């Protein structure tokens, strides 16, 4: 059994070697994303593993089907870069990865604290030996209300982490969970917007959630609200964020992901001419903390993502369960 893995980072190679030996498969490792132009690299492979920069649209899936690829597995939880309808039509199983929610949940809480305590401008000052305090006064989380949008595994773990701070926690999810309700109060979105000092997003990217944070929804929030996004960039309208940071309606942003980030994420662009003005402009504000889509990035999560991919492909090929199967 042979698998072709694409977008393989150096930190994944050891995990791929260990998992391939453990389950008894051969894995060809490729650093570049999978495209129609290099689909021939999957020749002789029954399964393909990718990350989020490989856009598995209908044309690419068709090219893989012609090469007898039966399974595509993304080493990410999100799967909006896969055309699921095309995969189903072509008889290709689509799999996503799974990993413990703790890394992203802890990163989310870190972001909340960094923004509330004005860490970014404090860091800037410290680097030039300016140890003044003016403008750096923060807020204590215990005195605030935090709204959590989406209470799946990550959102629920964020809520669990926040309980130790003594803050009031509001939650929104179309499918409330009894265990989450022990620590948070489920409310509708309007109530969450109107009452939350901090709002953090943990929703999948769907047609119904695209730009769920927009000019209209921000207008319904408290003045000075802090927004955190460690989920999907397209959940937030980038232009709306910029305008409302400028207007001081938004008091701070913690962003591990931003829409239009595709050409930037996980690449060294220091010597390039960048055309993504929105991200370049947003990141210069002192109350905006941005990182390079790395909330997931822990040793445990990386190994789990590789393991899910290799295990999932082998399991499907062995059982013949040829259908779309996502966790």
Protein backbone atom coordinates (compact mmCIF):
# COMPACT_ATOMS: atom_id res chain seq x y z
CA UNK A 1 0.00 0.00 0.00
CA UNK A 2 1.44 3.37 -1.06
CA UNK A 3 0.52 6.91 -0.05
CA UNK A 4 1.66 10.25 -1.49
CA UNK A 5 1.92 13.05 1.08
CA UNK A 6 2.08 16.69 0.00
CA UNK A 7 2.90 19.97 1.80
CA UNK A 8 5.12 17.94 4.11
CA UNK A 9 6.98 20.18 6.55
CA UNK A 10 10.32 19.18 8.02
CA UNK A 11 8.72 18.75 11.44
CA UNK A 12 6.33 16.14 10.00
CA UNK A 13 8.94 13.88 8.42
CA UNK A 14 9.83 11.98 11.57
CA UNK A 15 6.15 11.40 12.34
CA UNK A 16 5.50 10.15 8.80
CA UNK A 17 8.42 7.73 9.04
CA UNK A 18 7.23 6.41 12.40
CA UNK A 19 3.60 6.03 11.31
CA UNK A 20 4.50 4.40 7.99
CA UNK A 21 6.57 1.81 9.80
CA UNK A 22 3.94 1.27 12.46
CA UNK A 23 1.05 0.57 10.08
CA UNK A 24 3.12 -1.01 7.31
CA UNK A 25 2.69 1.36 4.36
CA UNK A 26 5.02 3.19 1.99
CA UNK A 27 4.76 7.00 2.01
CA UNK A 28 6.26 9.31 -0.62
CA UNK A 29 6.94 12.74 0.89
CA UNK A 30 6.63 15.94 -1.17
CA UNK A 31 7.13 19.46 0.17
CA UNK A 32 5.02 21.19 -2.48
CA UNK A 33 1.20 21.45 -2.50
CA UNK A 34 -0.73 19.04 -4.70
CA UNK A 35 -1.91 20.58 -7.98
CA UNK A 36 -3.09 19.36 -11.36
CA UNK A 37 0.41 20.10 -12.62
CA UNK A 38 2.09 17.64 -10.25
CA UNK A 39 -0.73 15.12 -9.82
CA UNK A 40 1.52 12.60 -11.57
CA UNK A 41 3.45 12.37 -8.30
CA UNK A 42 0.51 10.33 -7.01
CA UNK A 43 0.91 7.69 -9.73
CA UNK A 44 0.87 4.25 -8.15
CA UNK A 45 -0.61 5.56 -4.89
CA UNK A 46 -4.06 4.64 -3.61
CA UNK A 47 -4.16 7.45 -1.04
CA UNK A 48 -3.11 11.09 -0.88
CA UNK A 49 -2.42 13.23 2.19
CA UNK A 50 -2.37 17.05 2.06
CA UNK A 51 -2.62 20.20 4.13
CA UNK A 52 -4.81 23.24 3.48
CA UNK A 53 -2.89 24.82 0.60
CA UNK A 54 -3.75 21.94 -1.74
CA UNK A 55 -7.11 22.94 -3.20
CA UNK A 56 -8.81 19.68 -4.05
CA UNK A 57 -11.36 21.01 -6.52
CA UNK A 58 -13.29 18.95 -9.05
CA UNK A 59 -10.57 19.11 -11.71
CA UNK A 60 -7.81 17.97 -9.36
CA UNK A 61 -9.97 15.23 -7.89
CA UNK A 62 -10.75 14.06 -11.42
CA UNK A 63 -7.01 13.90 -12.13
CA UNK A 64 -6.52 11.81 -9.00
CA UNK A 65 -9.42 9.50 -9.83
CA UNK A 66 -7.86 8.84 -13.24
CA UNK A 67 -4.77 7.67 -11.35
CA UNK A 68 -6.85 5.28 -9.21
CA UNK A 69 -6.47 7.34 -6.04
CA UNK A 70 -9.26 6.19 -3.75
CA UNK A 71 -8.73 8.29 -0.63
CA UNK A 72 -7.75 11.93 0.02
CA UNK A 73 -6.93 12.87 3.59
CA UNK A 74 -6.27 16.40 4.79
CA UNK A 75 -4.05 16.74 7.85
CA UNK A 76 -6.29 19.56 9.08
CA UNK A 77 -9.58 19.63 10.94
CA UNK A 78 -11.05 22.09 8.42
CA UNK A 79 -11.93 20.68 5.01
CA UNK A 80 -13.34 23.62 3.07
CA UNK A 81 -10.47 23.22 0.56
CA UNK A 82 -11.99 19.90 -0.61
CA UNK A 83 -14.91 19.72 -3.06
CA UNK A 84 -16.89 17.08 -1.19
CA UNK A 85 -19.59 16.80 -3.86
CA UNK A 86 -16.97 16.07 -6.51
CA UNK A 87 -15.24 13.54 -4.26
CA UNK A 88 -18.52 11.72 -3.66
CA UNK A 89 -19.35 11.72 -7.37
CA UNK A 90 -15.94 10.28 -8.21
CA UNK A 91 -16.07 7.66 -5.47
CA UNK A 92 -13.14 9.15 -3.57
CA UNK A 93 -13.24 9.03 0.23
CA UNK A 94 -12.45 12.37 1.90
CA UNK A 95 -10.98 12.35 5.40
CA UNK A 96 -9.95 15.10 7.78
CA UNK A 97 -7.68 14.98 10.80
CA UNK A 98 -8.33 15.07 14.48
CA UNK A 99 -6.20 16.19 17.39
CA UNK A 100 -6.71 17.13 21.00
CA UNK A 101 -8.36 20.56 21.38
CA UNK A 102 -6.09 21.69 24.20
CA UNK A 103 -3.41 23.39 22.10
CA UNK A 104 -5.82 25.70 20.27
CA UNK A 105 -7.85 26.30 23.43
CA UNK A 106 -4.77 27.32 25.42
CA UNK A 107 -3.61 29.55 22.57
CA UNK A 108 -7.02 31.24 22.55
CA UNK A 109 -6.80 32.06 26.25
CA UNK A 110 -3.26 33.34 25.70
CA UNK A 111 -4.53 35.67 22.97
CA UNK A 112 -7.28 37.00 25.23
CA UNK A 113 -4.76 37.80 27.96
CA UNK A 114 -2.22 39.34 25.55
CA UNK A 115 -4.80 41.77 24.18
CA UNK A 116 -6.38 42.60 27.54
CA UNK A 117 -2.96 43.36 29.06
CA UNK A 118 -1.64 45.38 26.09
CA UNK A 119 1.33 43.08 25.69
CA UNK A 120 2.17 44.07 22.11
CA UNK A 121 2.86 47.79 22.78
CA UNK A 122 4.57 46.83 26.06
CA UNK A 123 6.90 44.51 24.11
CA UNK A 124 7.62 47.24 21.55
CA UNK A 125 8.56 49.69 24.29
CA UNK A 126 10.73 47.23 26.13
CA UNK A 127 12.79 46.57 23.02
CA UNK A 128 13.88 50.23 22.97
CA UNK A 129 14.27 50.47 26.77
CA UNK A 130 11.06 52.47 27.24
CA UNK A 131 9.65 51.16 30.50
CA UNK A 132 6.85 53.72 30.91
CA UNK A 133 3.32 52.65 31.82
CA UNK A 134 1.16 55.30 30.15
CA UNK A 135 -1.45 53.71 27.91
CA UNK A 136 -0.69 50.15 29.04
CA UNK A 137 -3.28 49.72 31.77
CA UNK A 138 -5.10 46.44 31.23
CA UNK A 139 -8.29 44.74 32.36
CA UNK A 140 -8.77 41.68 34.56
CA UNK A 141 -10.55 38.74 33.02
CA UNK A 142 -12.46 37.98 36.23
CA UNK A 143 -14.40 41.22 35.79
CA UNK A 144 -15.43 40.55 32.18
CA UNK A 145 -17.92 38.54 30.17
CA UNK A 146 -16.54 36.23 27.50
CA UNK A 147 -18.71 35.04 24.62
CA UNK A 148 -17.75 31.75 22.95
CA UNK A 149 -19.19 31.22 19.49
CA UNK A 150 -19.15 27.50 18.75
CA UNK A 151 -18.98 24.88 21.50
CA UNK A 152 -17.52 21.89 19.71
CA UNK A 153 -14.46 20.22 21.17
CA UNK A 154 -12.25 23.32 20.97
CA UNK A 155 -14.90 25.81 22.09
CA UNK A 156 -15.88 23.56 24.98
CA UNK A 157 -12.23 23.26 26.06
CA UNK A 158 -11.84 27.05 25.90
CA UNK A 159 -14.80 27.35 28.24
CA UNK A 160 -13.27 24.76 30.56
CA UNK A 161 -10.01 26.75 30.64
CA UNK A 162 -11.85 30.02 31.30
CA UNK A 163 -13.72 28.71 34.33
CA UNK A 164 -10.58 29.13 36.43
CA UNK A 165 -10.50 32.89 35.77
CA UNK A 166 -13.89 33.56 37.35
CA UNK A 167 -15.32 35.41 34.35
CA UNK A 168 -18.91 35.19 33.19
CA UNK A 169 -19.13 32.91 30.13
CA UNK A 170 -21.81 33.09 27.43
CA UNK A 171 -22.03 30.50 24.67
CA UNK A 172 -23.69 30.20 21.29
CA UNK A 173 -24.10 27.02 19.27
CA UNK A 174 -26.97 25.65 17.17
CA UNK A 175 -26.50 22.40 19.08
CA UNK A 176 -26.11 23.14 22.82
CA UNK A 177 -24.36 20.56 24.99
CA UNK A 178 -25.41 19.75 28.54
CA UNK A 179 -21.82 19.45 29.80
CA UNK A 180 -20.93 22.90 28.41
CA UNK A 181 -24.05 24.36 30.01
CA UNK A 182 -22.61 23.46 33.41
CA UNK A 183 -20.02 26.22 32.96
CA UNK A 184 -21.53 28.62 30.42
CA UNK A 185 -24.90 30.18 29.73
CA UNK A 186 -26.23 29.42 26.24
CA UNK A 187 -27.75 32.51 24.63
CA UNK A 188 -28.70 33.72 21.15
CA UNK A 189 -26.20 35.70 19.09
CA UNK A 190 -27.80 39.08 19.75
CA UNK A 191 -27.52 38.51 23.51
CA UNK A 192 -23.93 37.32 23.20
CA UNK A 193 -22.97 40.34 21.07
CA UNK A 194 -24.63 42.84 23.39
CA UNK A 195 -23.16 41.50 26.62
CA UNK A 196 -19.68 40.18 25.83
CA UNK A 197 -16.48 42.12 26.53
CA UNK A 198 -14.51 39.41 24.70
CA UNK A 199 -15.78 37.22 21.85
CA UNK A 200 -13.87 34.19 20.59
CA UNK A 201 -14.80 32.14 17.52
CA UNK A 202 -14.63 28.36 17.30
CA UNK A 203 -16.93 27.57 14.39
CA UNK A 204 -16.38 25.68 11.15
CA UNK A 205 -16.32 27.65 7.91
CA UNK A 206 -19.64 27.03 6.18
CA UNK A 207 -21.84 29.08 3.88
CA UNK A 208 -23.85 30.03 6.97
CA UNK A 209 -20.80 31.17 8.95
CA UNK A 210 -18.85 32.99 6.22
CA UNK A 211 -18.31 36.59 7.43
CA UNK A 212 -20.47 35.96 10.47
CA UNK A 213 -18.43 38.78 11.99
CA UNK A 214 -19.25 41.74 9.74
CA UNK A 215 -20.19 45.40 9.98
CA UNK A 216 -23.72 44.62 11.13
CA UNK A 217 -22.74 42.12 13.82
CA UNK A 218 -19.92 44.36 15.11
CA UNK A 219 -22.37 47.25 15.40
CA UNK A 220 -24.41 45.11 17.82
CA UNK A 221 -21.41 44.53 20.09
CA UNK A 222 -20.14 46.51 23.05
CA UNK A 223 -17.85 49.44 22.39
CA UNK A 224 -14.28 48.29 22.94
CA UNK A 225 -15.05 44.62 22.38
CA UNK A 226 -12.07 42.26 22.01
CA UNK A 227 -12.38 39.70 19.19
CA UNK A 228 -10.30 36.51 18.94
CA UNK A 229 -10.15 34.14 15.98
CA UNK A 230 -8.19 30.88 16.13
CA UNK A 231 -10.61 29.09 13.80
CA UNK A 232 -10.97 30.19 10.15
CA UNK A 233 -10.07 33.59 8.73
CA UNK A 234 -13.13 33.83 6.52
CA UNK A 235 -15.39 33.89 9.56
CA UNK A 236 -14.47 37.60 9.82
CA UNK A 237 -14.81 40.35 7.21
CA UNK A 238 -11.30 41.83 7.00
CA UNK A 239 -12.44 45.26 5.81
CA UNK A 240 -15.00 45.45 8.63
CA UNK A 241 -12.27 44.65 11.17
CA UNK A 242 -10.03 47.42 9.83
CA UNK A 243 -12.77 50.05 9.79
CA UNK A 244 -13.91 49.21 13.32
CA UNK A 245 -10.39 49.14 14.76
CA UNK A 246 -9.88 52.62 13.26
CA UNK A 247 -13.21 53.79 14.72
CA UNK A 248 -12.24 52.26 18.10
CA UNK A 249 -15.44 50.24 18.16
CA UNK A 250 -13.21 47.17 18.43
CA UNK A 251 -10.86 47.47 21.40
CA UNK A 252 -8.47 44.75 20.33
CA UNK A 253 -7.98 41.73 18.08
CA UNK A 254 -6.22 38.42 18.59
CA UNK A 255 -5.95 36.78 15.17
CA UNK A 256 -4.21 33.54 14.35
CA UNK A 257 -5.98 33.43 11.00
CA UNK A 258 -7.23 36.11 8.62
CA UNK A 259 -9.06 35.86 5.32
CA UNK A 260 -6.85 36.30 2.24
CA UNK A 261 -3.90 34.81 4.17
CA UNK A 262 -3.38 31.96 1.68
CA UNK A 263 -0.27 33.38 -0.03
CA UNK A 264 1.40 34.21 3.27
CA UNK A 265 0.80 31.41 5.72
CA UNK A 266 3.76 29.20 6.64
CA UNK A 267 6.01 30.85 4.05
CA UNK A 268 9.01 33.17 4.35
CA UNK A 269 7.98 36.30 2.41
CA UNK A 270 10.57 38.73 3.84
CA UNK A 271 12.10 39.64 0.49
CA UNK A 272 8.89 39.61 -1.56
CA UNK A 273 6.69 42.46 -2.71
CA UNK A 274 3.40 41.78 -0.97
CA UNK A 275 0.07 42.82 -2.43
CA UNK A 276 -2.08 41.87 0.54
CA UNK A 277 -2.67 45.41 1.82
CA UNK A 278 -5.46 44.49 4.24
CA UNK A 279 -3.34 42.17 6.36
CA UNK A 280 -0.29 44.46 6.20
CA UNK A 281 -2.38 47.41 7.38
CA UNK A 282 -4.28 45.53 10.09
CA UNK A 283 -1.22 44.04 11.73
CA UNK A 284 0.40 47.43 12.42
CA UNK A 285 -2.18 48.51 15.01
CA UNK A 286 -0.87 48.36 18.59
CA UNK A 287 -4.01 46.57 19.82
CA UNK A 288 -3.92 43.85 17.15
CA UNK A 289 -1.95 40.68 17.86
CA UNK A 290 -1.51 38.43 14.81
CA UNK A 291 0.31 35.13 14.41
CA UNK A 292 0.92 32.86 11.43
CA UNK A 293 -1.88 30.30 11.77
CA UNK A 294 -0.05 28.35 14.43
CA UNK A 295 -2.57 27.85 17.25
CA UNK A 296 -2.64 24.15 16.37
CA UNK A 297 1.15 23.86 16.23
CA UNK A 298 2.31 21.62 19.07
CA UNK A 299 4.36 18.43 19.05
CA UNK A 300 1.35 16.36 20.05
CA UNK A 301 -0.95 17.88 17.41
CA UNK A 302 1.54 17.47 14.55
CA UNK A 303 2.01 13.78 15.30
CA UNK A 304 -1.74 13.28 15.67
CA UNK A 305 -2.45 14.97 12.31
CA UNK A 306 0.02 12.70 10.53
CA UNK A 307 -1.23 9.64 12.37
CA UNK A 308 -4.87 10.38 11.49
CA UNK A 309 -3.94 10.77 7.84
CA UNK A 310 -1.93 7.56 7.51
CA UNK A 311 -4.24 5.48 9.72
CA UNK A 312 -7.36 6.81 8.01
CA UNK A 313 -6.15 6.07 4.51
CA UNK A 314 -5.08 2.54 5.39
CA UNK A 315 -8.32 1.84 7.26
CA UNK A 316 -10.49 2.93 4.34
CA UNK A 317 -8.45 0.98 1.80
CA UNK A 318 -8.60 -2.15 3.94
CA UNK A 319 -12.31 -1.98 4.67
CA UNK A 320 -13.43 -0.67 1.29
CA UNK A 321 -15.59 1.98 2.94
CA UNK A 322 -15.59 4.23 -0.09
CA UNK A 323 -17.65 7.21 0.96
CA UNK A 324 -17.07 10.71 2.28
CA UNK A 325 -16.04 10.26 5.90
CA UNK A 326 -15.16 13.26 8.05
CA UNK A 327 -14.73 13.44 11.80
